[in-house]
PDB file of N, CA and C in Angstrom:
ATOM      1  N   MET A   1      71.160 107.468 105.271  1.00  0.00           N
ATOM      2  CA  MET A   1      72.066 106.192 105.402  1.00  0.00           C
ATOM      3  C   MET A   1      72.089 105.349 106.700  1.00  0.00           C
ATOM      4  N   GLU A   2      72.016 103.736 107.151  1.00  0.00           N
ATOM      5  CA  GLU A   2      71.569 103.201 107.607  1.00  0.00           C
ATOM      6  C   GLU A   2      73.178 102.366 107.698  1.00  0.00           C
ATOM      7  N   ALA A   3      73.722 102.846 109.218  1.00  0.00           N
ATOM      8  CA  ALA A   3      74.955 101.900 108.842  1.00  0.00           C
ATOM      9  C   ALA A   3      75.171 100.284 109.243  1.00  0.00           C
ATOM     10  N   TYR A   4      76.163 100.246 108.725  1.00  0.00           N
ATOM     11  CA  TYR A   4      76.165  97.850 108.794  1.00  0.00           C
ATOM     12  C   TYR A   4      77.871  98.289 107.896  1.00  0.00           C
ATOM     13  N   ALA A   5      77.570  96.317 108.756  1.00  0.00           N
ATOM     14  CA  ALA A   5      78.976  96.099 108.946  1.00  0.00           C
ATOM     15  C   ALA A   5      78.859  94.673 107.868  1.00  0.00           C
ATOM     16  N   VAL A   6      81.001  94.225 107.617  1.00  0.00           N
ATOM     17  CA  VAL A   6      80.498  92.799 107.107  1.00  0.00           C
ATOM     18  C   VAL A   6      80.846  92.062 107.908  1.00  0.00           C
ATOM     19  N   ILE A   7      80.530  91.464 108.405  1.00  0.00           N
ATOM     20  CA  ILE A   7      80.896  90.423 109.483  1.00  0.00           C
ATOM     21  C   ILE A   7      81.897  88.758 108.939  1.00  0.00           C
ATOM     22  N   GLU A   8      83.033  88.497 109.387  1.00  0.00           N
ATOM     23  CA  GLU A   8      82.825  87.005 108.715  1.00  0.00           C
ATOM     24  C   GLU A   8      82.599  86.063 110.292  1.00  0.00           C
ATOM     25  N   THR A   9      82.017  84.994 110.640  1.00  0.00           N
ATOM     26  CA  THR A   9      81.957  83.989 111.307  1.00  0.00           C
ATOM     27  C   THR A   9      81.627  82.736 111.059  1.00  0.00           C
ATOM     28  N   GLY A  10      81.952  81.845 111.414  1.00  0.00           N
ATOM     29  CA  GLY A  10      81.946  80.132 110.081  1.00  0.00           C
ATOM     30  C   GLY A  10      81.965  80.235 109.435  1.00  0.00           C
ATOM     31  N   GLY A  11      83.334  80.694 109.084  1.00  0.00           N
ATOM     32  CA  GLY A  11      83.885  80.856 107.505  1.00  0.00           C
ATOM     33  C   GLY A  11      82.697  81.395 106.715  1.00  0.00           C
ATOM     34  N   LYS A  12      81.808  82.203 106.984  1.00  0.00           N
ATOM     35  CA  LYS A  12      81.499  82.882 106.353  1.00  0.00           C
ATOM     36  C   LYS A  12      80.861  84.226 106.475  1.00  0.00           C
ATOM     37  N   GLN A  13      80.663  85.145 105.346  1.00  0.00           N
ATOM     38  CA  GLN A  13      80.419  86.347 106.001  1.00  0.00           C
ATOM     39  C   GLN A  13      79.070  87.241 105.438  1.00  0.00           C
ATOM     40  N   TYR A  14      78.282  88.137 106.734  1.00  0.00           N
ATOM     41  CA  TYR A  14      77.293  88.228 106.541  1.00  0.00           C
ATOM     42  C   TYR A  14      77.474  90.355 106.578  1.00  0.00           C
ATOM     43  N   ARG A  15      76.434  90.369 106.196  1.00  0.00           N
ATOM     44  CA  ARG A  15      76.543  91.929 105.557  1.00  0.00           C
ATOM     45  C   ARG A  15      74.981  92.310 106.963  1.00  0.00           C
ATOM     46  N   VAL A  16      75.550  93.012 108.184  1.00  0.00           N
ATOM     47  CA  VAL A  16      74.770  93.085 109.100  1.00  0.00           C
ATOM     48  C   VAL A  16      74.387  94.609 109.221  1.00  0.00           C
ATOM     49  N   GLN A  17      72.768  94.996 109.276  1.00  0.00           N
ATOM     50  CA  GLN A  17      72.822  96.245 109.981  1.00  0.00           C
ATOM     51  C   GLN A  17      71.928  96.137 111.645  1.00  0.00           C
ATOM     52  N   LYS A  18      72.358  97.355 112.271  1.00  0.00           N
ATOM     53  CA  LYS A  18      71.741  97.530 113.626  1.00  0.00           C
ATOM     54  C   LYS A  18      69.935  96.619 113.762  1.00  0.00           C
ATOM     55  N   ASP A  19      69.811  95.809 114.054  1.00  0.00           N
ATOM     56  CA  ASP A  19      68.111  95.273 114.227  1.00  0.00           C
ATOM     57  C   ASP A  19      67.970  93.987 113.358  1.00  0.00           C
ATOM     58  N   ASP A  20      68.547  93.458 112.985  1.00  0.00           N
ATOM     59  CA  ASP A  20      68.989  92.560 112.015  1.00  0.00           C
ATOM     60  C   ASP A  20      69.384  91.282 112.724  1.00  0.00           C
ATOM     61  N   VAL A  21      68.375  90.177 112.451  1.00  0.00           N
ATOM     62  CA  VAL A  21      68.669  89.152 112.929  1.00  0.00           C
ATOM     63  C   VAL A  21      69.036  87.850 112.018  1.00  0.00           C
ATOM     64  N   VAL A  22      70.263  87.152 112.369  1.00  0.00           N
ATOM     65  CA  VAL A  22      70.553  86.681 111.156  1.00  0.00           C
ATOM     66  C   VAL A  22      71.151  85.383 111.644  1.00  0.00           C
ATOM     67  N   ALA A  23      70.881  83.731 111.488  1.00  0.00           N
ATOM     68  CA  ALA A  23      71.264  82.734 111.574  1.00  0.00           C
ATOM     69  C   ALA A  23      72.499  82.380 111.105  1.00  0.00           C
ATOM     70  N   VAL A  24      73.746  82.321 112.412  1.00  0.00           N
ATOM     71  CA  VAL A  24      75.225  82.175 112.026  1.00  0.00           C
ATOM     72  C   VAL A  24      75.624  80.860 112.955  1.00  0.00           C
ATOM     73  N   GLU A  25      76.303  79.694 112.343  1.00  0.00           N
ATOM     74  CA  GLU A  25      77.064  78.557 112.730  1.00  0.00           C
ATOM     75  C   GLU A  25      76.577  78.746 114.089  1.00  0.00           C
ATOM     76  N   LEU A  26      76.839  77.809 114.706  1.00  0.00           N
ATOM     77  CA  LEU A  26      76.568  78.018 116.461  1.00  0.00           C
ATOM     78  C   LEU A  26      78.247  78.739 117.295  1.00  0.00           C
ATOM     79  N   LEU A  27      78.260  78.970 117.579  1.00  0.00           N
ATOM     80  CA  LEU A  27      79.391  79.516 118.397  1.00  0.00           C
ATOM     81  C   LEU A  27      79.833  78.668 119.458  1.00  0.00           C
ATOM     82  N   GLU A  28      80.574  78.359 120.240  1.00  0.00           N
ATOM     83  CA  GLU A  28      81.352  77.118 121.017  1.00  0.00           C
ATOM     84  C   GLU A  28      81.332  78.377 122.741  1.00  0.00           C
ATOM     85  N   GLY A  29      80.115  77.367 122.900  1.00  0.00           N
ATOM     86  CA  GLY A  29      79.643  78.113 125.181  1.00  0.00           C
ATOM     87  C   GLY A  29      78.792  78.979 124.530  1.00  0.00           C
ATOM     88  N   VAL A  30      78.240  79.309 124.037  1.00  0.00           N
ATOM     89  CA  VAL A  30      77.033  79.955 123.893  1.00  0.00           C
ATOM     90  C   VAL A  30      75.542  79.638 123.734  1.00  0.00           C
ATOM     91  N   GLU A  31      74.971  80.207 124.920  1.00  0.00           N
ATOM     92  CA  GLU A  31      73.670  80.323 125.321  1.00  0.00           C
ATOM     93  C   GLU A  31      72.261  80.903 124.747  1.00  0.00           C
ATOM     94  N   ALA A  32      71.508  80.945 123.860  1.00  0.00           N
ATOM     95  CA  ALA A  32      70.307  81.886 124.305  1.00  0.00           C
ATOM     96  C   ALA A  32      69.984  82.738 125.250  1.00  0.00           C
ATOM     97  N   GLY A  33      69.960  84.503 124.691  1.00  0.00           N
ATOM     98  CA  GLY A  33      69.845  85.228 125.807  1.00  0.00           C
ATOM     99  C   GLY A  33      71.271  85.996 126.161  1.00  0.00           C
ATOM    100  N   GLN A  34      72.252  85.335 126.193  1.00  0.00           N
ATOM    101  CA  GLN A  34      74.228  85.984 126.392  1.00  0.00           C
ATOM    102  C   GLN A  34      74.275  87.195 124.702  1.00  0.00           C
ATOM    103  N   THR A  35      75.146  87.607 124.860  1.00  0.00           N
ATOM    104  CA  THR A  35      75.570  88.640 124.755  1.00  0.00           C
ATOM    105  C   THR A  35      77.267  88.611 123.995  1.00  0.00           C
ATOM    106  N   VAL A  36      76.739  88.576 122.164  1.00  0.00           N
ATOM    107  CA  VAL A  36      78.064  87.793 121.441  1.00  0.00           C
ATOM    108  C   VAL A  36      78.325  88.761 121.277  1.00  0.00           C
ATOM    109  N   GLU A  37      80.133  88.853 121.103  1.00  0.00           N
ATOM    110  CA  GLU A  37      80.861  89.719 120.075  1.00  0.00           C
ATOM    111  C   GLU A  37      81.514  89.253 118.324  1.00  0.00           C
ATOM    112  N   PHE A  38      80.884  90.355 117.899  1.00  0.00           N
ATOM    113  CA  PHE A  38      82.248  89.444 116.808  1.00  0.00           C
ATOM    114  C   PHE A  38      83.057  90.615 115.899  1.00  0.00           C
ATOM    115  N   ASP A  39      84.441  90.092 116.383  1.00  0.00           N
ATOM    116  CA  ASP A  39      85.520  91.008 115.933  1.00  0.00           C
ATOM    117  C   ASP A  39      86.338  91.144 114.604  1.00  0.00           C
ATOM    118  N   ARG A  40      85.903  90.372 113.715  1.00  0.00           N
ATOM    119  CA  ARG A  40      86.195  89.743 112.634  1.00  0.00           C
ATOM    120  C   ARG A  40      84.955  90.282 111.829  1.00  0.00           C
ATOM    121  N   VAL A  41      84.812  91.949 111.900  1.00  0.00           N
ATOM    122  CA  VAL A  41      84.653  93.068 111.253  1.00  0.00           C
ATOM    123  C   VAL A  41      85.682  93.341 110.144  1.00  0.00           C
ATOM    124  N   LEU A  42      85.306  92.510 108.536  1.00  0.00           N
ATOM    125  CA  LEU A  42      86.050  93.220 107.244  1.00  0.00           C
ATOM    126  C   LEU A  42      85.179  94.367 106.730  1.00  0.00           C
ATOM    127  N   ALA A  43      83.965  95.019 106.575  1.00  0.00           N
ATOM    128  CA  ALA A  43      83.777  95.809 106.258  1.00  0.00           C
ATOM    129  C   ALA A  43      83.157  96.884 107.225  1.00  0.00           C
ATOM    130  N   VAL A  44      83.064  98.086 107.432  1.00  0.00           N
ATOM    131  CA  VAL A  44      81.700  98.929 107.845  1.00  0.00           C
ATOM    132  C   VAL A  44      81.929  99.778 107.054  1.00  0.00           C
ATOM    133  N   ASN A  45      80.043 100.328 107.340  1.00  0.00           N
ATOM    134  CA  ASN A  45      79.959 102.206 106.066  1.00  0.00           C
ATOM    135  C   ASN A  45      79.301 102.867 107.936  1.00  0.00           C
ATOM    136  N   ASP A  46      79.674 103.476 107.874  1.00  0.00           N
ATOM    137  CA  ASP A  46      79.087 104.548 109.564  1.00  0.00           C
ATOM    138  C   ASP A  46      78.157 105.266 108.784  1.00  0.00           C
ATOM    139  N   GLY A  47      78.343 105.486 107.181  1.00  0.00           N
ATOM    140  CA  GLY A  47      76.929 106.789 106.669  1.00  0.00           C
ATOM    141  C   GLY A  47      78.037 107.485 106.335  1.00  0.00           C
ATOM    142  N   SER A  48      79.165 108.303 106.929  1.00  0.00           N
ATOM    143  CA  SER A  48      79.996 109.117 106.374  1.00  0.00           C
ATOM    144  C   SER A  48      81.432 108.541 105.293  1.00  0.00           C
ATOM    145  N   GLY A  49      81.365 107.012 105.250  1.00  0.00           N
ATOM    146  CA  GLY A  49      81.630 106.676 104.252  1.00  0.00           C
ATOM    147  C   GLY A  49      82.144 104.631 104.009  1.00  0.00           C
ATOM    148  N   LEU A  50      82.765 104.440 103.283  1.00  0.00           N
ATOM    149  CA  LEU A  50      82.945 102.824 103.349  1.00  0.00           C
ATOM    150  C   LEU A  50      84.594 102.610 103.863  1.00  0.00           C
ATOM    151  N   LYS A  51      84.336 102.236 105.232  1.00  0.00           N
ATOM    152  CA  LYS A  51      85.908 101.512 105.815  1.00  0.00           C
ATOM    153  C   LYS A  51      86.433 100.045 105.296  1.00  0.00           C
ATOM    154  N   VAL A  52      87.570  99.396 104.114  1.00  0.00           N
ATOM    155  CA  VAL A  52      87.554  98.581 104.537  1.00  0.00           C
ATOM    156  C   VAL A  52      88.500  96.966 104.941  1.00  0.00           C
ATOM    157  N   GLY A  53      88.775  96.750 105.499  1.00  0.00           N
ATOM    158  CA  GLY A  53      89.482  96.133 106.679  1.00  0.00           C
ATOM    159  C   GLY A  53      90.846  95.594 104.783  1.00  0.00           C
ATOM    160  N   LYS A  54      92.393  94.986 105.917  1.00  0.00           N
ATOM    161  CA  LYS A  54      92.913  94.496 105.511  1.00  0.00           C
ATOM    162  C   LYS A  54      93.330  93.132 106.220  1.00  0.00           C
ATOM    163  N   PRO A  55      93.395  92.676 106.264  1.00  0.00           N
ATOM    164  CA  PRO A  55      92.005  91.774 106.113  1.00  0.00           C
ATOM    165  C   PRO A  55      90.401  92.213 106.601  1.00  0.00           C
ATOM    166  N   VAL A  56      90.738  93.158 108.515  1.00  0.00           N
ATOM    167  CA  VAL A  56      90.169  93.049 109.197  1.00  0.00           C
ATOM    168  C   VAL A  56      89.903  94.831 109.560  1.00  0.00           C
ATOM    169  N   VAL A  57      89.038  95.651 110.197  1.00  0.00           N
ATOM    170  CA  VAL A  57      88.761  97.012 110.222  1.00  0.00           C
ATOM    171  C   VAL A  57      88.892  96.880 111.721  1.00  0.00           C
ATOM    172  N   GLU A  58      90.622  97.720 111.825  1.00  0.00           N
ATOM    173  CA  GLU A  58      90.356  97.672 113.284  1.00  0.00           C
ATOM    174  C   GLU A  58      89.968  98.225 114.328  1.00  0.00           C
ATOM    175  N   GLY A  59      90.170  97.706 115.766  1.00  0.00           N
ATOM    176  CA  GLY A  59      88.881  98.415 116.250  1.00  0.00           C
ATOM    177  C   GLY A  59      87.212  98.227 116.246  1.00  0.00           C
ATOM    178  N   ALA A  60      87.422  97.441 115.292  1.00  0.00           N
ATOM    179  CA  ALA A  60      85.581  97.653 115.203  1.00  0.00           C
ATOM    180  C   ALA A  60      84.955  96.187 115.755  1.00  0.00           C
ATOM    181  N   LYS A  61      84.143  96.872 116.262  1.00  0.00           N
ATOM    182  CA  LYS A  61      83.029  95.113 116.522  1.00  0.00           C
ATOM    183  C   LYS A  61      80.897  94.993 116.263  1.00  0.00           C
ATOM    184  N   VAL A  62      81.295  94.072 116.988  1.00  0.00           N
ATOM    185  CA  VAL A  62      79.553  93.897 116.366  1.00  0.00           C
ATOM    186  C   VAL A  62      79.352  93.469 117.310  1.00  0.00           C
ATOM    187  N   ALA A  63      77.803  93.998 118.180  1.00  0.00           N
ATOM    188  CA  ALA A  63      77.849  93.269 119.312  1.00  0.00           C
ATOM    189  C   ALA A  63      75.839  92.547 119.141  1.00  0.00           C
ATOM    190  N   ALA A  64      76.267  91.155 119.375  1.00  0.00           N
ATOM    191  CA  ALA A  64      74.657  90.935 119.103  1.00  0.00           C
ATOM    192  C   ALA A  64      74.100  89.867 120.458  1.00  0.00           C
ATOM    193  N   GLU A  65      73.178  89.790 119.876  1.00  0.00           N
ATOM    194  CA  GLU A  65      72.440  89.152 120.905  1.00  0.00           C
ATOM    195  C   GLU A  65      71.545  87.984 120.878  1.00  0.00           C
ATOM    196  N   ALA A  66      72.371  86.699 121.503  1.00  0.00           N
ATOM    197  CA  ALA A  66      72.218  85.141 121.192  1.00  0.00           C
ATOM    198  C   ALA A  66      70.523  85.384 120.991  1.00  0.00           C
ATOM    199  N   VAL A  67      69.872  84.844 120.178  1.00  0.00           N
ATOM    200  CA  VAL A  67      67.888  84.778 120.466  1.00  0.00           C
ATOM    201  C   VAL A  67      67.883  83.160 120.870  1.00  0.00           C
ATOM    202  N   GLU A  68      67.816  82.654 119.653  1.00  0.00           N
ATOM    203  CA  GLU A  68      68.119  80.620 120.212  1.00  0.00           C
ATOM    204  C   GLU A  68      68.714  79.967 119.537  1.00  0.00           C
ATOM    205  N   ILE A  69      68.931  78.370 119.722  1.00  0.00           N
ATOM    206  CA  ILE A  69      69.893  77.618 119.124  1.00  0.00           C
ATOM    207  C   ILE A  69      68.759  77.261 118.311  1.00  0.00           C
ATOM    208  N   PHE A  70      68.563  76.551 117.266  1.00  0.00           N
ATOM    209  CA  PHE A  70      68.034  75.636 116.475  1.00  0.00           C
ATOM    210  C   PHE A  70      69.091  74.676 115.525  1.00  0.00           C
ATOM    211  N   ARG A  71      68.219  73.808 114.722  1.00  0.00           N
ATOM    212  CA  ARG A  71      69.021  73.333 113.598  1.00  0.00           C
ATOM    213  C   ARG A  71      68.537  73.065 111.676  1.00  0.00           C
ATOM    214  N   ALA A  72      69.159  73.390 111.203  1.00  0.00           N
ATOM    215  CA  ALA A  72      69.061  73.667 110.524  1.00  0.00           C
ATOM    216  C   ALA A  72      68.339  72.815 108.994  1.00  0.00           C
ATOM    217  N   PRO A  73      67.528  72.927 108.528  1.00  0.00           N
ATOM    218  CA  PRO A  73      66.687  71.416 107.143  1.00  0.00           C
ATOM    219  C   PRO A  73      67.840  70.658 107.414  1.00  0.00           C
ATOM    220  N   LYS A  74      67.178  68.741 107.023  1.00  0.00           N
ATOM    221  CA  LYS A  74      68.254  68.096 106.702  1.00  0.00           C
ATOM    222  C   LYS A  74      68.488  68.513 104.992  1.00  0.00           C
ATOM    223  N   VAL A  75      70.249  67.949 105.064  1.00  0.00           N
ATOM    224  CA  VAL A  75      70.493  67.779 103.805  1.00  0.00           C
ATOM    225  C   VAL A  75      71.191  66.662 103.596  1.00  0.00           C
ATOM    226  N   VAL A  76      70.942  65.399 102.689  1.00  0.00           N
ATOM    227  CA  VAL A  76      71.043  64.640 102.352  1.00  0.00           C
ATOM    228  C   VAL A  76      72.221  64.237 100.898  1.00  0.00           C
ATOM    229  N   ALA A  77      72.630  63.562 101.402  1.00  0.00           N
ATOM    230  CA  ALA A  77      73.635  63.459 100.324  1.00  0.00           C
ATOM    231  C   ALA A  77      73.927  61.558  99.373  1.00  0.00           C
ATOM    232  N   TYR A  78      73.594  61.793  98.618  1.00  0.00           N
ATOM    233  CA  TYR A  78      73.358  60.393  98.052  1.00  0.00           C
ATOM    234  C   TYR A  78      74.885  59.725  97.653  1.00  0.00           C
ATOM    235  N   LYS A  79      75.691  58.788  97.880  1.00  0.00           N
ATOM    236  CA  LYS A  79      76.698  58.389  96.631  1.00  0.00           C
ATOM    237  C   LYS A  79      76.364  57.390  95.811  1.00  0.00           C
ATOM    238  N   LYS A  80      76.572  56.635  94.879  1.00  0.00           N
ATOM    239  CA  LYS A  80      76.077  55.574  94.073  1.00  0.00           C
ATOM    240  C   LYS A  80      77.773  55.738  93.062  1.00  0.00           C
ATOM    241  N   LYS A  81      77.681  53.684  92.949  1.00  0.00           N
ATOM    242  CA  LYS A  81      78.803  53.792  92.159  1.00  0.00           C
ATOM    243  C   LYS A  81      77.764  52.659  91.324  1.00  0.00           C
ATOM    244  N   ARG A  82      77.613  52.865  89.865  1.00  0.00           N
ATOM    245  CA  ARG A  82      76.685  52.217  88.780  1.00  0.00           C
ATOM    246  C   ARG A  82      77.806  50.802  88.843  1.00  0.00           C
ATOM    247  N   ARG A  83      76.345  50.245  88.340  1.00  0.00           N
ATOM    248  CA  ARG A  83      77.214  48.711  88.188  1.00  0.00           C
ATOM    249  C   ARG A  83      77.910  47.843  89.447  1.00  0.00           C
ATOM    250  N   LYS A  84      77.854  49.045  90.747  1.00  0.00           N
ATOM    251  CA  LYS A  84      78.359  48.215  91.210  1.00  0.00           C
ATOM    252  C   LYS A  84      77.563  47.260  93.379  1.00  0.00           C
ATOM    253  N   GLY A  85      76.449  48.399  93.046  1.00  0.00           N
ATOM    254  CA  GLY A  85      75.819  47.465  94.224  1.00  0.00           C
ATOM    255  C   GLY A  85      76.179  48.473  95.435  1.00  0.00           C
ATOM    256  N   TYR A  86      77.399  49.273  94.442  1.00  0.00           N
ATOM    257  CA  TYR A  86      77.512  50.204  95.775  1.00  0.00           C
ATOM    258  C   TYR A  86      76.335  51.942  96.531  1.00  0.00           C
ATOM    259  N   HIS A  87      76.033  52.142  97.713  1.00  0.00           N
ATOM    260  CA  HIS A  87      75.434  52.873  97.706  1.00  0.00           C
ATOM    261  C   HIS A  87      74.927  53.506  98.858  1.00  0.00           C
ATOM    262  N   ARG A  88      75.181  54.998  99.340  1.00  0.00           N
ATOM    263  CA  ARG A  88      75.212  55.786 100.692  1.00  0.00           C
ATOM    264  C   ARG A  88      74.588  56.896 101.126  1.00  0.00           C
ATOM    265  N   LYS A  89      73.361  56.799 101.435  1.00  0.00           N
ATOM    266  CA  LYS A  89      72.645  57.830 102.139  1.00  0.00           C
ATOM    267  C   LYS A  89      72.797  58.173 103.123  1.00  0.00           C
ATOM    268  N   VAL A  90      73.776  59.568 103.338  1.00  0.00           N
ATOM    269  CA  VAL A  90      73.935  59.852 104.783  1.00  0.00           C
ATOM    270  C   VAL A  90      72.544  61.418 104.678  1.00  0.00           C
ATOM    271  N   GLY A  91      72.338  61.911 106.257  1.00  0.00           N
ATOM    272  CA  GLY A  91      71.629  62.444 106.694  1.00  0.00           C
ATOM    273  C   GLY A  91      72.715  63.376 106.889  1.00  0.00           C
ATOM    274  N   HIS A  92      72.688  65.276 107.169  1.00  0.00           N
ATOM    275  CA  HIS A  92      73.277  66.193 107.643  1.00  0.00           C
ATOM    276  C   HIS A  92      72.556  67.440 108.529  1.00  0.00           C
ATOM    277  N   ARG A  93      72.746  67.576 109.493  1.00  0.00           N
ATOM    278  CA  ARG A  93      71.660  68.967 109.808  1.00  0.00           C
ATOM    279  C   ARG A  93      72.296  69.714 110.977  1.00  0.00           C
ATOM    280  N   GLN A  94      72.644  70.677 110.639  1.00  0.00           N
ATOM    281  CA  GLN A  94      73.450  72.045 111.233  1.00  0.00           C
ATOM    282  C   GLN A  94      73.114  72.910 112.365  1.00  0.00           C
ATOM    283  N   ASP A  95      73.969  72.486 113.461  1.00  0.00           N
ATOM    284  CA  ASP A  95      73.851  73.338 114.462  1.00  0.00           C
ATOM    285  C   ASP A  95      73.602  75.026 114.416  1.00  0.00           C
ATOM    286  N   LEU A  96      72.816  75.528 114.595  1.00  0.00           N
ATOM    287  CA  LEU A  96      72.801  77.072 113.965  1.00  0.00           C
ATOM    288  C   LEU A  96      72.444  78.289 115.298  1.00  0.00           C
ATOM    289  N   LEU A  97      72.743  79.308 114.923  1.00  0.00           N
ATOM    290  CA  LEU A  97      72.344  80.757 116.928  1.00  0.00           C
ATOM    291  C   LEU A  97      72.083  81.899 115.370  1.00  0.00           C
ATOM    292  N   ARG A  98      70.695  81.983 115.908  1.00  0.00           N
ATOM    293  CA  ARG A  98      70.302  83.380 115.418  1.00  0.00           C
ATOM    294  C   ARG A  98      70.487  84.221 116.378  1.00  0.00           C
ATOM    295  N   VAL A  99      71.273  85.281 115.859  1.00  0.00           N
ATOM    296  CA  VAL A  99      71.348  86.494 116.533  1.00  0.00           C
ATOM    297  C   VAL A  99      70.685  87.479 116.105  1.00  0.00           C
ATOM    298  N   LYS A 100      70.616  88.728 117.011  1.00  0.00           N
ATOM    299  CA  LYS A 100      69.796  90.595 116.281  1.00  0.00           C
ATOM    300  C   LYS A 100      71.270  90.950 116.805  1.00  0.00           C
ATOM    301  N   ILE A 101      71.608  91.779 115.991  1.00  0.00           N
ATOM    302  CA  ILE A 101      72.523  92.403 116.394  1.00  0.00           C
ATOM    303  C   ILE A 101      71.909  93.590 117.010  1.00  0.00           C
ATOM    304  N   THR A 102      72.859  94.129 117.778  1.00  0.00           N
ATOM    305  CA  THR A 102      72.527  95.466 118.775  1.00  0.00           C
ATOM    306  C   THR A 102      73.068  96.248 118.703  1.00  0.00           C
ATOM    307  N   ALA A 103      74.280  96.346 118.273  1.00  0.00           N
ATOM    308  CA  ALA A 103      75.191  97.424 117.643  1.00  0.00           C
ATOM    309  C   ALA A 103      76.315  96.952 116.853  1.00  0.00           C
ATOM    310  N   ILE A 104      76.473  98.337 116.346  1.00  0.00           N
ATOM    311  CA  ILE A 104      77.803  98.236 115.136  1.00  0.00           C
ATOM    312  C   ILE A 104      78.965 100.067 115.774  1.00  0.00           C
ATOM    313  N   ALA A 105      80.492  98.999 116.192  1.00  0.00           N
ATOM    314  CA  ALA A 105      81.013 100.196 117.320  1.00  0.00           C
ATOM    315  C   ALA A 105      81.691  99.540 116.283  1.00  0.00           C
TER     316      ALA A 105
END
C-alpha cells in the first residue's frame, strides 16, 4: 500500500500521495519551479498504520514542487431583489497553484 497524507492548506484538506498533482490556493511568494513544504499534516499513513494528529501530526512534512500558477474557471454570482429593479452580477476567478508532491516525511 502506498503511503499517503492528509494536508491542510488554504482552508481546505487534500489527500495526497507521492507524485500526485494537486491544485491548491495560491501561496504567497511562491513561483513556478520552487519547492514548497506543507507542515499542516493532519494524518499520515506510511503503510504500517494511520497516525492522526491532534490537530497536526508532530514532525510530519509533505514536500512538493510548484508546477504552475493558473486561474480557476469563472464563478458567477447574481443577486436580485424581486420587483425592486435591483440586480448585480459579479464574477470571480480564484488564483490557484498546481503542485506535484515529491515526498512525505
